[in-house]
Amino acid sequence: MNRLSRASVLAMLGIVTGSLLINGGYGAFVQQRMFIPLVLAAIVLLAFSGHEVYGALKEEKVDPDARWWSFGPGVGWLMVLPLVVLFAVAPSALGAAAANRVDAFNPIEQTEAFPALDTSAGPAEMRVFDFLDRALWDPNESLRETPVRLEGLVVNDPEVPDGFLLTKFMVSCCAADGLPLQVAVRGVDQPLEDDTWVVADVIWREPDVPYSEAGAVVIVDADAIAVTPQPGARKDPYESPY
């Protein structure tokens, strides 16, 4: 791989990274907090590309017969393959297919007190993780008869024939470490397709069997008040543990 080719690959990587930052597509792959590191990465890639072009032009001035060759592995061309995939397929966040391949996440036991929920302006908005946390570990049962608003995607499951598993992935860094957080939303009026993004107003349903006796797989149930589909892709489809 000569210097000009290497410059081209680096420039393409920098441009694709920049375009994902501009259109928000990077959110399908990593946490939103990775925005600044990705901006820096794009700048570095473009800077190295410019350095390679400058070096090649400088060599040509010194030796007009120079072929701009420099030692480097030809395997570098493999870096182009992810770019081809990104150009051919629009980026999409983790969805129902991924949720069905990974065991659902159960939050670690919470020992601190949970603050009271404010529902004076309507259902209390909270993350799916926080809803699961309160349902499993709050001794004061602050979710009892309290309307809560959750956002997530639909994952249909035969174990929930009257509704669906509202799912949102918890991602520490990138989509590769995503774990599905799921609430079984029951009493839904009409079926929804997998991967439909929804805003759901729900009320926690106390389990027939205490969670501590339910075994390894714990399903937190909630009765639907209203389920509203949200068209379009989400800018930030994941939850962060931080």
Foldseek 3Di string as FASTA:
>chain_A
DFLLVQLVLLLLVLVVLVVCLVVLLCLQWWFPVCSVVSPVSSVVSNVSSVVSVVVQVVVCVVPVVDPRHDDDDPCSCVSCVVVVVCVVDPRAHDWQVVQVVAAADQDDADDDADDAADQVVHAGEDELNVVNNLLQHHPVSNLAVGKHKYKAWFHADPVAVQFTWGWFWEDATTRVPTHIRTAREGNDPDDDDTGFIKIWTWGWDRDPDRQVPPPDHDHTYTYTPDIGTDDDGDSNRHHYPD
